[in-house]
Amino acid sequence: MRHPRQSTPAPSIDLSTYTEATGRQLYDLVVAIHFTVTPEDRAAYAADPENHWIPTLPRDQSGLVVGRAPGRWWASWIPRRLSLY
């Protein structure tokens, strides 16, 4: 499967069991898709900022976490414009 932002297909990942390597592959894939800003992303945001989001924090400061619970993998982070308080 290829995401529009990726120039190469995503690697085949076995999601059936938990391994550190699988978690790392998923983390890297989330970073490539959601935290890599392209010139097209910047142009879309400049043209319509209400309907286009670009990350304002680097992944290390966004709280990006990839985990697995009852048989499902998930990724979570907090966009800067959201406040928990």
C-alpha atoms as a PDB file:
ATOM      1  CA  MET A   1       0.000   0.000   0.000  1.00  0.00           C
ATOM      2  CA  ARG A   2       1.295   3.453  -0.862  1.00  0.00           C
ATOM      3  CA  HIS A   3       0.248   6.617   0.922  1.00  0.00           C
ATOM      4  CA  PRO A   4       0.090   9.733  -1.299  1.00  0.00           C
ATOM      5  CA  ARG A   5       2.993  11.293   0.626  1.00  0.00           C
ATOM      6  CA  GLN A   6       5.265   8.313   0.167  1.00  0.00           C
ATOM      7  CA  SER A   7       7.403   7.868  -2.899  1.00  0.00           C
ATOM      8  CA  THR A   8       7.837   4.151  -2.230  1.00  0.00           C
ATOM      9  CA  PRO A   9       5.333   1.538  -1.064  1.00  0.00           C
ATOM     10  CA  ALA A  10       5.083   0.917   2.661  1.00  0.00           C
ATOM     11  CA  PRO A  11       6.935  -2.178   3.788  1.00  0.00           C
ATOM     12  CA  SER A  12       4.970  -5.307   4.531  1.00  0.00           C
ATOM     13  CA  ILE A  13       4.431  -5.334   8.291  1.00  0.00           C
ATOM     14  CA  ASP A  14       3.200  -8.334  10.291  1.00  0.00           C
ATOM     15  CA  LEU A  15       0.656  -6.826  12.689  1.00  0.00           C
ATOM     16  CA  SER A  16      -0.430 -10.127  14.208  1.00  0.00           C
ATOM     17  CA  THR A  17       2.071 -10.148  17.071  1.00  0.00           C
ATOM     18  CA  TYR A  18       3.908  -7.618  19.200  1.00  0.00           C
ATOM     19  CA  THR A  19       7.593  -7.012  18.528  1.00  0.00           C
ATOM     20  CA  GLU A  20       9.764  -3.960  19.113  1.00  0.00           C
ATOM     21  CA  ALA A  21      10.708  -4.043  15.427  1.00  0.00           C
ATOM     22  CA  THR A  22       7.039  -3.860  14.372  1.00  0.00           C
ATOM     23  CA  GLY A  23       6.428  -0.965  16.744  1.00  0.00           C
ATOM     24  CA  ARG A  24       9.431   0.870  15.300  1.00  0.00           C
ATOM     25  CA  GLN A  25       8.284   0.268  11.719  1.00  0.00           C
ATOM     26  CA  LEU A  26       4.851   1.659  12.550  1.00  0.00           C
ATOM     27  CA  TYR A  27       6.367   4.660  14.357  1.00  0.00           C
ATOM     28  CA  ASP A  28       8.523   5.444  11.318  1.00  0.00           C
ATOM     29  CA  LEU A  29       5.518   5.076   9.000  1.00  0.00           C
ATOM     30  CA  VAL A  30       3.406   7.452  11.132  1.00  0.00           C
ATOM     31  CA  VAL A  31       6.241   9.987  11.079  1.00  0.00           C
ATOM     32  CA  ALA A  32       6.542   9.718   7.291  1.00  0.00           C
ATOM     33  CA  ILE A  33       2.800  10.188   6.763  1.00  0.00           C
ATOM     34  CA  HIS A  34       1.813  12.671   9.474  1.00  0.00           C
ATOM     35  CA  PHE A  35       4.965  14.559  10.475  1.00  0.00           C
ATOM     36  CA  THR A  36       6.721  15.111   7.159  1.00  0.00           C
ATOM     37  CA  VAL A  37       5.499  18.395   5.684  1.00  0.00           C
ATOM     38  CA  THR A  38       5.679  18.647   1.906  1.00  0.00           C
ATOM     39  CA  PRO A  39       5.571  21.836  -0.200  1.00  0.00           C
ATOM     40  CA  GLU A  40       2.060  20.790  -1.254  1.00  0.00           C
ATOM     41  CA  ASP A  41       1.022  20.620   2.416  1.00  0.00           C
ATOM     42  CA  ARG A  42       2.362  24.118   3.049  1.00  0.00           C
ATOM     43  CA  ALA A  43       0.560  25.509  -0.015  1.00  0.00           C
ATOM     44  CA  ALA A  44      -2.742  23.881   0.972  1.00  0.00           C
ATOM     45  CA  TYR A  45      -2.402  25.234   4.518  1.00  0.00           C
ATOM     46  CA  ALA A  46      -1.587  28.737   3.252  1.00  0.00           C
ATOM     47  CA  ALA A  47      -4.616  28.690   0.947  1.00  0.00           C
ATOM     48  CA  ASP A  48      -7.087  27.297   3.508  1.00  0.00           C
ATOM     49  CA  PRO A  49      -5.701  27.005   7.065  1.00  0.00           C
ATOM     50  CA  GLU A  50      -9.089  26.083   8.550  1.00  0.00           C
ATOM     51  CA  ASN A  51      -9.262  22.856   6.542  1.00  0.00           C
ATOM     52  CA  HIS A  52      -5.608  21.818   6.371  1.00  0.00           C
ATOM     53  CA  TRP A  53      -3.435  20.839   9.293  1.00  0.00           C
ATOM     54  CA  ILE A  54       0.312  20.721   9.317  1.00  0.00           C
ATOM     55  CA  PRO A  55       2.299  19.676  12.364  1.00  0.00           C
ATOM     56  CA  THR A  56       3.629  22.589  14.390  1.00  0.00           C
ATOM     57  CA  LEU A  57       5.717  20.455  16.738  1.00  0.00           C
ATOM     58  CA  PRO A  58       8.423  17.980  15.856  1.00  0.00           C
ATOM     59  CA  ARG A  59       7.446  14.381  16.524  1.00  0.00           C
ATOM     60  CA  ASP A  60       9.681  14.282  19.608  1.00  0.00           C
ATOM     61  CA  GLN A  61       7.653  17.072  21.236  1.00  0.00           C
ATOM     62  CA  SER A  62       4.231  15.946  20.040  1.00  0.00           C
ATOM     63  CA  GLY A  63       3.910  13.024  22.401  1.00  0.00           C
ATOM     64  CA  LEU A  64       3.785  10.565  19.503  1.00  0.00           C
ATOM     65  CA  VAL A  65       3.204   7.070  20.858  1.00  0.00           C
ATOM     66  CA  VAL A  66       2.680   3.797  19.016  1.00  0.00           C
ATOM     67  CA  GLY A  67       1.260   0.969  21.075  1.00  0.00           C
ATOM     68  CA  ARG A  68      -0.651  -2.260  21.008  1.00  0.00           C
ATOM     69  CA  ALA A  69      -3.621  -3.226  23.133  1.00  0.00           C
ATOM     70  CA  PRO A  70      -5.935  -6.236  22.859  1.00  0.00           C
ATOM     71  CA  GLY A  71      -4.752  -7.239  19.403  1.00  0.00           C
ATOM     72  CA  ARG A  72      -4.790  -3.777  17.816  1.00  0.00           C
ATOM     73  CA  TRP A  73      -1.990  -1.375  16.996  1.00  0.00           C
ATOM     74  CA  TRP A  74      -2.611   2.362  17.428  1.00  0.00           C
ATOM     75  CA  ALA A  75      -0.770   5.666  17.188  1.00  0.00           C
ATOM     76  CA  SER A  76      -1.569   8.799  19.153  1.00  0.00           C
ATOM     77  CA  TRP A  77      -0.253  12.344  19.498  1.00  0.00           C
ATOM     78  CA  ILE A  78      -1.533  15.739  20.597  1.00  0.00           C
ATOM     79  CA  PRO A  79      -1.649  18.523  17.986  1.00  0.00           C
ATOM     80  CA  ARG A  80      -0.304  21.786  19.383  1.00  0.00           C
ATOM     81  CA  ARG A  81      -3.513  23.701  18.777  1.00  0.00           C
ATOM     82  CA  LEU A  82      -5.386  21.405  21.159  1.00  0.00           C
ATOM     83  CA  SER A  83      -5.246  22.082  24.866  1.00  0.00           C
ATOM     84  CA  LEU A  84      -5.887  19.511  27.547  1.00  0.00           C
ATOM     85  CA  TYR A  85      -6.431  22.159  30.234  1.00  0.00           C
END
